[in-house]
N, C-alpha and C. Protein backbone atom coordinates (compact mmCIF):
# COMPACT_ATOMS: atom_id res chain seq x y z
N MET A 1 5.44 -2.19 -14.45
CA MET A 1 5.39 -2.74 -13.15
C MET A 1 6.40 -3.54 -12.75
N GLU A 2 6.69 -4.64 -13.83
CA GLU A 2 7.89 -5.79 -13.51
C GLU A 2 9.11 -5.04 -13.32
N TYR A 3 9.49 -3.82 -13.85
CA TYR A 3 10.70 -3.47 -13.84
C TYR A 3 10.81 -2.70 -12.11
N MET A 4 10.04 -2.33 -11.95
CA MET A 4 9.85 -1.88 -10.57
C MET A 4 10.10 -2.92 -9.39
N TYR A 5 9.16 -4.09 -9.78
CA TYR A 5 9.57 -4.86 -8.77
C TYR A 5 11.08 -5.73 -8.83
N ALA A 6 11.42 -5.68 -10.13
CA ALA A 6 12.69 -6.23 -10.19
C ALA A 6 14.08 -5.35 -9.58
N ALA A 7 13.70 -3.86 -9.65
CA ALA A 7 14.55 -3.07 -8.37
C ALA A 7 14.59 -3.41 -7.33
N LEU A 8 13.15 -3.40 -7.06
CA LEU A 8 13.02 -3.77 -5.72
C LEU A 8 13.40 -5.00 -5.08
N LEU A 9 13.64 -6.19 -5.91
CA LEU A 9 13.81 -7.56 -5.69
C LEU A 9 15.76 -7.25 -5.40
N LEU A 10 16.32 -6.34 -6.36
CA LEU A 10 17.86 -6.22 -6.24
C LEU A 10 17.68 -5.51 -5.12
N HIS A 11 17.53 -4.43 -4.61
CA HIS A 11 17.56 -3.79 -3.54
C HIS A 11 17.39 -4.56 -2.49
N LYS A 12 16.51 -5.16 -2.45
CA LYS A 12 16.32 -6.19 -1.03
C LYS A 12 17.47 -7.21 -0.91
N LEU A 13 18.05 -7.55 -2.33
CA LEU A 13 19.05 -8.52 -2.00
C LEU A 13 20.45 -7.79 -1.81
N GLY A 14 20.25 -6.47 -1.85
CA GLY A 14 21.68 -5.63 -1.80
C GLY A 14 22.46 -5.54 -2.82
N GLU A 15 21.68 -6.16 -3.90
CA GLU A 15 22.77 -5.59 -5.38
C GLU A 15 22.16 -4.38 -6.01
N ALA A 16 23.20 -4.00 -6.80
CA ALA A 16 23.05 -2.49 -7.23
C ALA A 16 21.95 -2.59 -8.26
N ILE A 17 21.25 -1.76 -8.42
CA ILE A 17 20.30 -1.45 -9.52
C ILE A 17 20.72 -0.82 -10.77
N SER A 18 21.49 -1.67 -11.48
CA SER A 18 21.95 -1.36 -12.66
C SER A 18 21.12 -1.85 -13.64
N GLU A 19 21.70 -1.40 -14.87
CA GLU A 19 21.11 -1.93 -16.60
C GLU A 19 21.21 -3.23 -16.33
N GLU A 20 22.25 -3.61 -16.23
CA GLU A 20 22.60 -5.05 -16.67
C GLU A 20 21.74 -5.84 -15.51
N ASN A 21 22.31 -5.70 -14.33
CA ASN A 21 21.23 -6.37 -13.29
C ASN A 21 19.42 -6.53 -13.48
N LEU A 22 19.01 -5.48 -13.74
CA LEU A 22 17.71 -5.24 -14.20
C LEU A 22 17.50 -6.24 -15.43
N LYS A 23 18.54 -6.03 -16.25
CA LYS A 23 17.96 -6.93 -17.39
C LYS A 23 18.25 -8.63 -17.46
N LYS A 24 18.89 -9.01 -16.13
CA LYS A 24 19.25 -10.60 -15.91
C LYS A 24 18.00 -10.78 -15.12
N VAL A 25 17.24 -9.73 -14.45
CA VAL A 25 16.40 -10.15 -13.49
C VAL A 25 15.00 -10.36 -14.28
N ILE A 26 14.56 -9.32 -15.27
CA ILE A 26 13.48 -9.33 -16.22
C ILE A 26 13.59 -10.35 -17.12
N SER A 27 15.01 -10.57 -17.74
CA SER A 27 14.90 -11.99 -18.61
C SER A 27 14.95 -13.25 -17.96
N ALA A 28 15.21 -13.28 -16.69
CA ALA A 28 14.74 -14.85 -15.92
C ALA A 28 13.20 -15.01 -15.91
N THR A 29 12.51 -13.95 -15.96
CA THR A 29 11.21 -14.07 -16.18
C THR A 29 10.25 -14.62 -17.50
N GLY A 30 11.21 -14.70 -18.30
CA GLY A 30 11.25 -14.42 -19.71
C GLY A 30 10.36 -13.69 -20.40
N LYS A 31 10.33 -12.49 -19.91
CA LYS A 31 9.36 -11.04 -20.53
C LYS A 31 10.59 -10.86 -21.49
N PRO A 32 10.25 -10.32 -22.72
CA PRO A 32 11.31 -9.35 -23.36
C PRO A 32 11.43 -7.88 -22.50
N ILE A 33 12.53 -7.73 -22.78
CA ILE A 33 13.28 -6.58 -22.12
C ILE A 33 13.23 -5.35 -23.13
N ASP A 34 12.43 -4.50 -22.62
CA ASP A 34 12.45 -3.05 -23.41
C ASP A 34 13.51 -1.94 -22.58
N GLU A 35 14.61 -2.01 -23.66
CA GLU A 35 15.76 -0.95 -23.38
C GLU A 35 15.60 0.26 -22.62
N ALA A 36 14.32 1.18 -23.31
CA ALA A 36 14.15 2.48 -22.55
C ALA A 36 13.89 2.41 -21.13
N LYS A 37 12.95 1.55 -20.95
CA LYS A 37 12.41 1.44 -19.48
C LYS A 37 13.36 1.07 -18.31
N VAL A 38 14.35 0.48 -19.03
CA VAL A 38 15.25 -0.06 -17.89
C VAL A 38 16.08 1.27 -17.74
N LYS A 39 16.70 1.75 -18.86
CA LYS A 39 17.81 3.13 -18.63
C LYS A 39 16.21 4.16 -17.93
N VAL A 40 15.67 4.09 -18.38
CA VAL A 40 14.56 5.61 -17.51
C VAL A 40 14.57 4.84 -15.70
N LEU A 41 14.09 4.00 -15.41
CA LEU A 41 14.03 3.29 -14.25
C LEU A 41 15.67 3.61 -13.46
N VAL A 42 16.83 2.72 -14.03
CA VAL A 42 17.94 3.09 -13.44
C VAL A 42 18.39 4.70 -13.11
N GLU A 43 18.26 5.33 -14.33
CA GLU A 43 18.49 6.76 -13.99
C GLU A 43 17.14 7.44 -13.11
N SER A 44 16.13 6.81 -12.80
CA SER A 44 15.44 7.46 -11.86
C SER A 44 15.64 7.22 -10.33
N LEU A 45 16.20 5.90 -10.38
CA LEU A 45 16.37 5.74 -8.78
C LEU A 45 18.09 6.36 -8.61
N ARG A 46 18.56 6.87 -9.30
CA ARG A 46 19.99 6.88 -9.01
C ARG A 46 20.20 7.62 -7.63
N ASP A 47 19.60 8.54 -7.29
CA ASP A 47 19.98 9.38 -6.20
C ASP A 47 18.62 9.17 -5.20
N VAL A 48 17.85 8.05 -5.09
CA VAL A 48 16.46 7.65 -4.34
C VAL A 48 17.15 6.98 -3.16
N ASP A 49 16.67 7.37 -1.94
CA ASP A 49 17.01 6.36 -0.90
C ASP A 49 15.92 5.33 -0.87
N ILE A 50 15.75 4.03 -1.39
CA ILE A 50 14.56 3.69 -1.16
C ILE A 50 14.16 2.92 -0.17
N ASP A 51 15.09 2.70 0.81
CA ASP A 51 14.69 2.42 2.22
C ASP A 51 13.65 3.53 2.67
N LYS A 52 14.38 4.48 2.71
CA LYS A 52 13.52 6.07 3.49
C LYS A 52 12.02 6.02 2.25
N GLU A 53 12.24 5.75 1.49
CA GLU A 53 10.56 5.80 0.49
C GLU A 53 10.09 4.76 1.08
N LEU A 54 10.54 3.55 1.01
CA LEU A 54 9.45 2.36 1.52
C LEU A 54 9.06 2.67 2.84
N GLU A 55 9.75 3.47 3.80
CA GLU A 55 9.40 3.39 5.22
C GLU A 55 8.19 4.69 5.07
N GLN A 56 8.40 5.73 4.41
CA GLN A 56 7.23 6.52 4.34
C GLN A 56 5.92 5.84 3.71
N ALA A 57 6.25 5.17 2.58
CA ALA A 57 5.09 4.83 2.20
C ALA A 57 4.27 3.44 2.82
N THR A 58 4.80 3.17 3.90
CA THR A 58 4.41 2.26 4.73
C THR A 58 3.45 3.08 6.07
N VAL A 59 4.18 4.40 6.37
CA VAL A 59 3.28 4.92 6.93
C VAL A 59 2.02 5.50 6.75
N THR A 60 2.36 6.43 5.24
CA THR A 60 1.27 6.47 4.53
C THR A 60 0.03 5.94 4.41
N SER A 61 0.35 4.65 4.37
CA SER A 61 -0.73 3.70 4.21
C SER A 61 -1.42 3.17 5.37
N VAL A 62 -0.68 3.34 6.34
CA VAL A 62 -1.38 2.99 8.06
C VAL A 62 -2.43 4.20 8.03
N ALA A 63 -1.99 5.29 7.80
CA ALA A 63 -2.85 6.35 8.23
C ALA A 63 -4.21 6.36 8.06
N PRO A 64 -4.94 5.85 6.86
CA PRO A 64 -6.03 5.94 6.51
C PRO A 64 -6.64 4.64 7.12
N ALA A 65 -5.97 3.76 7.59
CA ALA A 65 -6.71 2.97 8.15
C ALA A 65 -7.04 3.23 9.33
N ALA A 66 -6.12 4.03 9.95
CA ALA A 66 -6.66 4.32 11.51
C ALA A 66 -8.02 5.36 11.38
N GLY A 67 -8.15 6.13 10.30
CA GLY A 67 -9.47 6.73 10.36
C GLY A 67 -10.64 6.13 9.93
N GLY A 68 -10.35 4.50 9.33
CA GLY A 68 -11.55 3.69 9.33
C GLY A 68 -12.07 2.97 10.49
N GLU A 69 -10.66 3.32 11.14
CA GLU A 69 -11.75 2.72 12.72
C GLU A 69 -12.72 3.75 13.43
N GLU A 70 -12.42 4.69 13.32
CA GLU A 70 -13.22 6.03 14.04
C GLU A 70 -14.88 5.31 13.14
N LYS A 71 -14.85 5.38 12.00
CA LYS A 71 -15.98 5.42 11.22
C LYS A 71 -16.59 4.17 11.58
N VAL A 72 -16.15 2.78 12.24
CA VAL A 72 -16.72 1.85 12.37
C VAL A 72 -17.13 2.00 13.86
N GLU A 73 -16.55 2.76 14.38
CA GLU A 73 -17.02 3.15 16.15
C GLU A 73 -18.40 4.06 16.06
N GLU A 74 -18.37 4.87 15.02
CA GLU A 74 -19.35 5.50 14.88
C GLU A 74 -20.63 4.94 14.39
N LYS A 75 -20.46 4.18 13.32
CA LYS A 75 -21.56 2.95 13.03
C LYS A 75 -21.94 2.41 14.29
N LYS A 76 -21.09 1.99 15.09
CA LYS A 76 -21.66 0.95 16.07
C LYS A 76 -22.71 1.92 16.99
N GLU A 77 -22.19 3.11 17.45
CA GLU A 77 -22.80 4.30 18.39
C GLU A 77 -24.39 4.43 17.82
N GLU A 78 -24.06 4.53 16.27
CA GLU A 78 -25.55 4.61 15.91
C GLU A 78 -26.34 3.77 15.84
N LYS A 79 -26.05 2.46 15.74
CA LYS A 79 -27.03 1.25 16.06
C LYS A 79 -27.20 1.11 17.39
N GLU A 80 -26.38 1.54 18.23
CA GLU A 80 -26.85 1.59 19.78
C GLU A 80 -27.83 2.22 20.05
N GLU A 81 -27.85 3.71 19.41
CA GLU A 81 -28.68 4.66 19.84
C GLU A 81 -30.10 4.08 18.91
N LYS A 82 -30.01 3.58 17.85
CA LYS A 82 -31.25 3.23 17.28
C LYS A 82 -32.05 1.91 17.87
N ALA A 83 -31.22 1.14 19.02
CA ALA A 83 -31.71 0.26 19.36
C ALA A 83 -32.40 0.86 20.54
N SER A 84 -31.77 1.82 21.39
CA SER A 84 -32.30 2.35 22.49
C SER A 84 -33.50 3.06 22.28
N GLU A 85 -33.57 3.79 21.27
CA GLU A 85 -34.80 4.14 20.89
C GLU A 85 -36.07 3.69 20.57
N ALA A 86 -35.67 2.17 19.88
CA ALA A 86 -36.64 1.19 19.55
C ALA A 86 -37.14 0.49 20.86
N ALA A 87 -36.50 0.58 21.81
CA ALA A 87 -36.83 0.15 23.16
C ALA A 87 -37.84 0.97 23.55
N GLU A 88 -37.28 2.30 23.66
CA GLU A 88 -38.33 3.49 24.11
C GLU A 88 -39.54 3.51 23.69
N GLY A 89 -39.76 3.12 22.35
CA GLY A 89 -40.75 3.10 21.87
C GLY A 89 -41.85 2.08 22.15
N LEU A 90 -41.19 0.59 22.59
CA LEU A 90 -42.09 -0.47 22.83
C LEU A 90 -42.16 -0.28 24.35
N SER A 91 -41.73 0.59 24.83
CA SER A 91 -42.15 0.56 26.23
C SER A 91 -43.19 1.49 26.55
N SER A 92 -43.42 2.74 25.54
CA SER A 92 -44.37 3.46 25.47
C SER A 92 -45.75 2.56 25.31
N LEU A 93 -45.81 1.52 24.37
CA LEU A 93 -47.04 1.09 23.84
C LEU A 93 -47.35 0.20 24.90
N PHE A 94 -46.39 -0.31 25.97
CA PHE A 94 -47.09 -1.24 27.05
C PHE A 94 -46.99 -0.54 28.28
N GLY A 95 -46.58 0.83 28.37
CA GLY A 95 -46.48 1.60 29.61
C GLY A 95 -47.44 2.37 30.45
């Protein structure tokens, strides 16, 4: 995961995501460098538009939150219905 964070940091700073730059970032953390991970990550990100991928990830993560609001509203309606049913039951006792 550190390697991905390093790549995102380099991207954010406008630096090239290269083996050399990734190694610098990882070594700055004091962690040992895994050459294979560096090479695989650089190769995997070669033709990826990181801005576009981040935008899609943001849109995807927002969508489930909208569905959660509907569930909250449904629960509120159920509580209101139960409260009105309870009030009707009590009024029949005294009515």
